[in-house]
Amino acid sequence: MTDSMEIYWGADCQIQVTPVASQEVCEALISRDRALVSRIVLS
């Protein structure tokens, strides 16, 4: 585990992974492509 935020870039999005506890992370998907976000949220 790292105590720093990790950022990953894709062609149409950015994903941020932030540790919140020793066994937990928070993942955030940021994109202007609503269809991409909907596919990921609904899967």
PDB file of N, CA and C in Angstrom:
ATOM      1  N   MET A   1       0.842  -1.185   0.000  1.00  0.00           N
ATOM      2  CA  MET A   1       0.000   0.000   0.000  1.00  0.00           C
ATOM      3  C   MET A   1       0.879   1.236   0.000  1.00  0.00           C
ATOM      4  N   THR A   2       0.430   2.239  -0.691  1.00  0.00           N
ATOM      5  CA  THR A   2       1.098   3.532  -0.704  1.00  0.00           C
ATOM      6  C   THR A   2       0.236   4.539   0.045  1.00  0.00           C
ATOM      7  N   ASP A   3       0.835   5.569   0.561  1.00  0.00           N
ATOM      8  CA  ASP A   3       0.043   6.594   1.247  1.00  0.00           C
ATOM      9  C   ASP A   3      -0.217   7.778   0.332  1.00  0.00           C
ATOM     10  N   SER A   4       0.038   7.590  -0.955  1.00  0.00           N
ATOM     11  CA  SER A   4      -0.154   8.651  -1.936  1.00  0.00           C
ATOM     12  C   SER A   4      -1.241   8.277  -2.934  1.00  0.00           C
ATOM     13  N   MET A   5      -1.852   9.286  -3.514  1.00  0.00           N
ATOM     14  CA  MET A   5      -2.838   9.066  -4.561  1.00  0.00           C
ATOM     15  C   MET A   5      -2.119   8.595  -5.823  1.00  0.00           C
ATOM     16  N   GLU A   6      -2.721   7.643  -6.505  1.00  0.00           N
ATOM     17  CA  GLU A   6      -2.208   7.188  -7.790  1.00  0.00           C
ATOM     18  C   GLU A   6      -3.179   7.655  -8.856  1.00  0.00           C
ATOM     19  N   ILE A   7      -2.656   8.142  -9.978  1.00  0.00           N
ATOM     20  CA  ILE A   7      -3.492   8.645 -11.068  1.00  0.00           C
ATOM     21  C   ILE A   7      -3.138   7.889 -12.337  1.00  0.00           C
ATOM     22  N   TYR A   8      -4.172   7.410 -13.013  1.00  0.00           N
ATOM     23  CA  TYR A   8      -4.006   6.684 -14.265  1.00  0.00           C
ATOM     24  C   TYR A   8      -4.797   7.408 -15.348  1.00  0.00           C
ATOM     25  N   TRP A   9      -4.185   7.569 -16.529  1.00  0.00           N
ATOM     26  CA  TRP A   9      -4.847   8.234 -17.632  1.00  0.00           C
ATOM     27  C   TRP A   9      -5.144   7.235 -18.734  1.00  0.00           C
ATOM     28  N   GLY A  10      -6.334   7.356 -19.288  1.00  0.00           N
ATOM     29  CA  GLY A  10      -6.717   6.568 -20.445  1.00  0.00           C
ATOM     30  C   GLY A  10      -7.026   7.515 -21.589  1.00  0.00           C
ATOM     31  N   ALA A  11      -7.452   6.970 -22.706  1.00  0.00           N
ATOM     32  CA  ALA A  11      -7.757   7.800 -23.872  1.00  0.00           C
ATOM     33  C   ALA A  11      -8.893   8.772 -23.593  1.00  0.00           C
ATOM     34  N   ASP A  12      -9.881   8.343 -22.798  1.00  0.00           N
ATOM     35  CA  ASP A  12     -11.063   9.172 -22.563  1.00  0.00           C
ATOM     36  C   ASP A  12     -11.361   9.418 -21.093  1.00  0.00           C
ATOM     37  N   CYS A  13     -10.432   9.068 -20.202  1.00  0.00           N
ATOM     38  CA  CYS A  13     -10.752   9.207 -18.788  1.00  0.00           C
ATOM     39  C   CYS A  13      -9.498   9.307 -17.929  1.00  0.00           C
ATOM     40  N   GLN A  14      -9.723   9.604 -16.687  1.00  0.00           N
ATOM     41  CA  GLN A  14      -8.680   9.598 -15.667  1.00  0.00           C
ATOM     42  C   GLN A  14      -9.230   8.833 -14.476  1.00  0.00           C
ATOM     43  N   ILE A  15      -8.422   7.998 -13.856  1.00  0.00           N
ATOM     44  CA  ILE A  15      -8.832   7.259 -12.668  1.00  0.00           C
ATOM     45  C   ILE A  15      -7.890   7.634 -11.529  1.00  0.00           C
ATOM     46  N   GLN A  16      -8.470   7.991 -10.395  1.00  0.00           N
ATOM     47  CA  GLN A  16      -7.693   8.329  -9.210  1.00  0.00           C
ATOM     48  C   GLN A  16      -7.933   7.256  -8.154  1.00  0.00           C
ATOM     49  N   VAL A  17      -6.860   6.732  -7.583  1.00  0.00           N
ATOM     50  CA  VAL A  17      -6.941   5.712  -6.541  1.00  0.00           C
ATOM     51  C   VAL A  17      -6.270   6.290  -5.295  1.00  0.00           C
ATOM     52  N   THR A  18      -7.054   6.403  -4.219  1.00  0.00           N
ATOM     53  CA  THR A  18      -6.562   7.020  -2.995  1.00  0.00           C
ATOM     54  C   THR A  18      -6.759   6.068  -1.825  1.00  0.00           C
ATOM     55  N   PRO A  19      -5.712   5.778  -1.060  1.00  0.00           N
ATOM     56  CA  PRO A  19      -5.888   4.931   0.116  1.00  0.00           C
ATOM     57  C   PRO A  19      -6.672   5.670   1.194  1.00  0.00           C
ATOM     58  N   VAL A  20      -7.633   4.973   1.808  1.00  0.00           N
ATOM     59  CA  VAL A  20      -8.423   5.580   2.884  1.00  0.00           C
ATOM     60  C   VAL A  20      -8.278   4.820   4.198  1.00  0.00           C
ATOM     61  N   ALA A  21      -7.771   3.601   4.134  1.00  0.00           N
ATOM     62  CA  ALA A  21      -7.498   2.784   5.319  1.00  0.00           C
ATOM     63  C   ALA A  21      -6.496   1.714   4.898  1.00  0.00           C
ATOM     64  N   SER A  22      -6.034   0.919   5.839  1.00  0.00           N
ATOM     65  CA  SER A  22      -4.998  -0.063   5.517  1.00  0.00           C
ATOM     66  C   SER A  22      -5.457  -1.091   4.485  1.00  0.00           C
ATOM     67  N   GLN A  23      -6.751  -1.395   4.430  1.00  0.00           N
ATOM     68  CA  GLN A  23      -7.272  -2.379   3.484  1.00  0.00           C
ATOM     69  C   GLN A  23      -8.336  -1.803   2.548  1.00  0.00           C
ATOM     70  N   GLU A  24      -8.395  -0.486   2.415  1.00  0.00           N
ATOM     71  CA  GLU A  24      -9.422   0.142   1.584  1.00  0.00           C
ATOM     72  C   GLU A  24      -8.833   1.239   0.724  1.00  0.00           C
ATOM     73  N   VAL A  25      -9.379   1.348  -0.489  1.00  0.00           N
ATOM     74  CA  VAL A  25      -9.023   2.454  -1.371  1.00  0.00           C
ATOM     75  C   VAL A  25     -10.308   3.072  -1.910  1.00  0.00           C
ATOM     76  N   CYS A  26     -10.211   4.311  -2.304  1.00  0.00           N
ATOM     77  CA  CYS A  26     -11.303   5.010  -2.972  1.00  0.00           C
ATOM     78  C   CYS A  26     -10.890   5.175  -4.427  1.00  0.00           C
ATOM     79  N   GLU A  27     -11.756   4.769  -5.352  1.00  0.00           N
ATOM     80  CA  GLU A  27     -11.472   4.904  -6.774  1.00  0.00           C
ATOM     81  C   GLU A  27     -12.445   5.902  -7.382  1.00  0.00           C
ATOM     82  N   ALA A  28     -11.908   6.843  -8.131  1.00  0.00           N
ATOM     83  CA  ALA A  28     -12.738   7.853  -8.789  1.00  0.00           C
ATOM     84  C   ALA A  28     -12.442   7.835 -10.280  1.00  0.00           C
ATOM     85  N   LEU A  29     -13.498   7.753 -11.078  1.00  0.00           N
ATOM     86  CA  LEU A  29     -13.385   7.801 -12.531  1.00  0.00           C
ATOM     87  C   LEU A  29     -13.864   9.170 -12.980  1.00  0.00           C
ATOM     88  N   ILE A  30     -13.040   9.855 -13.756  1.00  0.00           N
ATOM     89  CA  ILE A  30     -13.393  11.184 -14.254  1.00  0.00           C
ATOM     90  C   ILE A  30     -13.354  11.135 -15.769  1.00  0.00           C
ATOM     91  N   SER A  31     -14.475  11.512 -16.402  1.00  0.00           N
ATOM     92  CA  SER A  31     -14.551  11.492 -17.857  1.00  0.00           C
ATOM     93  C   SER A  31     -15.665  12.407 -18.326  1.00  0.00           C
ATOM     94  N   ARG A  32     -15.487  12.980 -19.491  1.00  0.00           N
ATOM     95  CA  ARG A  32     -16.565  13.750 -20.121  1.00  0.00           C
ATOM     96  C   ARG A  32     -17.481  12.842 -20.942  1.00  0.00           C
ATOM     97  N   ASP A  33     -17.050  11.609 -21.142  1.00  0.00           N
ATOM     98  CA  ASP A  33     -17.811  10.640 -21.931  1.00  0.00           C
ATOM     99  C   ASP A  33     -18.851   9.974 -21.029  1.00  0.00           C
ATOM    100  N   ARG A  34     -20.082  10.424 -21.096  1.00  0.00           N
ATOM    101  CA  ARG A  34     -21.139   9.893 -20.228  1.00  0.00           C
ATOM    102  C   ARG A  34     -21.420   8.420 -20.484  1.00  0.00           C
ATOM    103  N   ALA A  35     -21.281   7.981 -21.716  1.00  0.00           N
ATOM    104  CA  ALA A  35     -21.515   6.573 -22.031  1.00  0.00           C
ATOM    105  C   ALA A  35     -20.465   5.692 -21.342  1.00  0.00           C
ATOM    106  N   LEU A  36     -19.222   6.133 -21.316  1.00  0.00           N
ATOM    107  CA  LEU A  36     -18.165   5.384 -20.643  1.00  0.00           C
ATOM    108  C   LEU A  36     -18.462   5.288 -19.147  1.00  0.00           C
ATOM    109  N   VAL A  37     -18.800   6.386 -18.532  1.00  0.00           N
ATOM    110  CA  VAL A  37     -19.113   6.394 -17.106  1.00  0.00           C
ATOM    111  C   VAL A  37     -20.300   5.492 -16.808  1.00  0.00           C
ATOM    112  N   SER A  38     -21.341   5.567 -17.614  1.00  0.00           N
ATOM    113  CA  SER A  38     -22.536   4.745 -17.413  1.00  0.00           C
ATOM    114  C   SER A  38     -22.199   3.266 -17.513  1.00  0.00           C
ATOM    115  N   ARG A  39     -21.387   2.877 -18.502  1.00  0.00           N
ATOM    116  CA  ARG A  39     -21.007   1.470 -18.658  1.00  0.00           C
ATOM    117  C   ARG A  39     -20.271   0.969 -17.421  1.00  0.00           C
ATOM    118  N   ILE A  40     -19.386   1.769 -16.884  1.00  0.00           N
ATOM    119  CA  ILE A  40     -18.595   1.333 -15.730  1.00  0.00           C
ATOM    120  C   ILE A  40     -19.454   1.300 -14.468  1.00  0.00           C
ATOM    121  N   VAL A  41     -20.302   2.288 -14.276  1.00  0.00           N
ATOM    122  CA  VAL A  41     -21.153   2.334 -13.087  1.00  0.00           C
ATOM    123  C   VAL A  41     -22.148   1.200 -13.098  1.00  0.00           C
ATOM    124  N   LEU A  42     -22.693   0.861 -14.234  1.00  0.00           N
ATOM    125  CA  LEU A  42     -23.729  -0.172 -14.327  1.00  0.00           C
ATOM    126  C   LEU A  42     -23.170  -1.587 -14.418  1.00  0.00           C
ATOM    127  N   SER A  43     -21.866  -1.736 -14.581  1.00  0.00           N
ATOM    128  CA  SER A  43     -21.312  -3.092 -14.697  1.00  0.00           C
ATOM    129  C   SER A  43     -20.967  -3.686 -13.363  1.00  0.00           C
TER     130      SER A  43
END
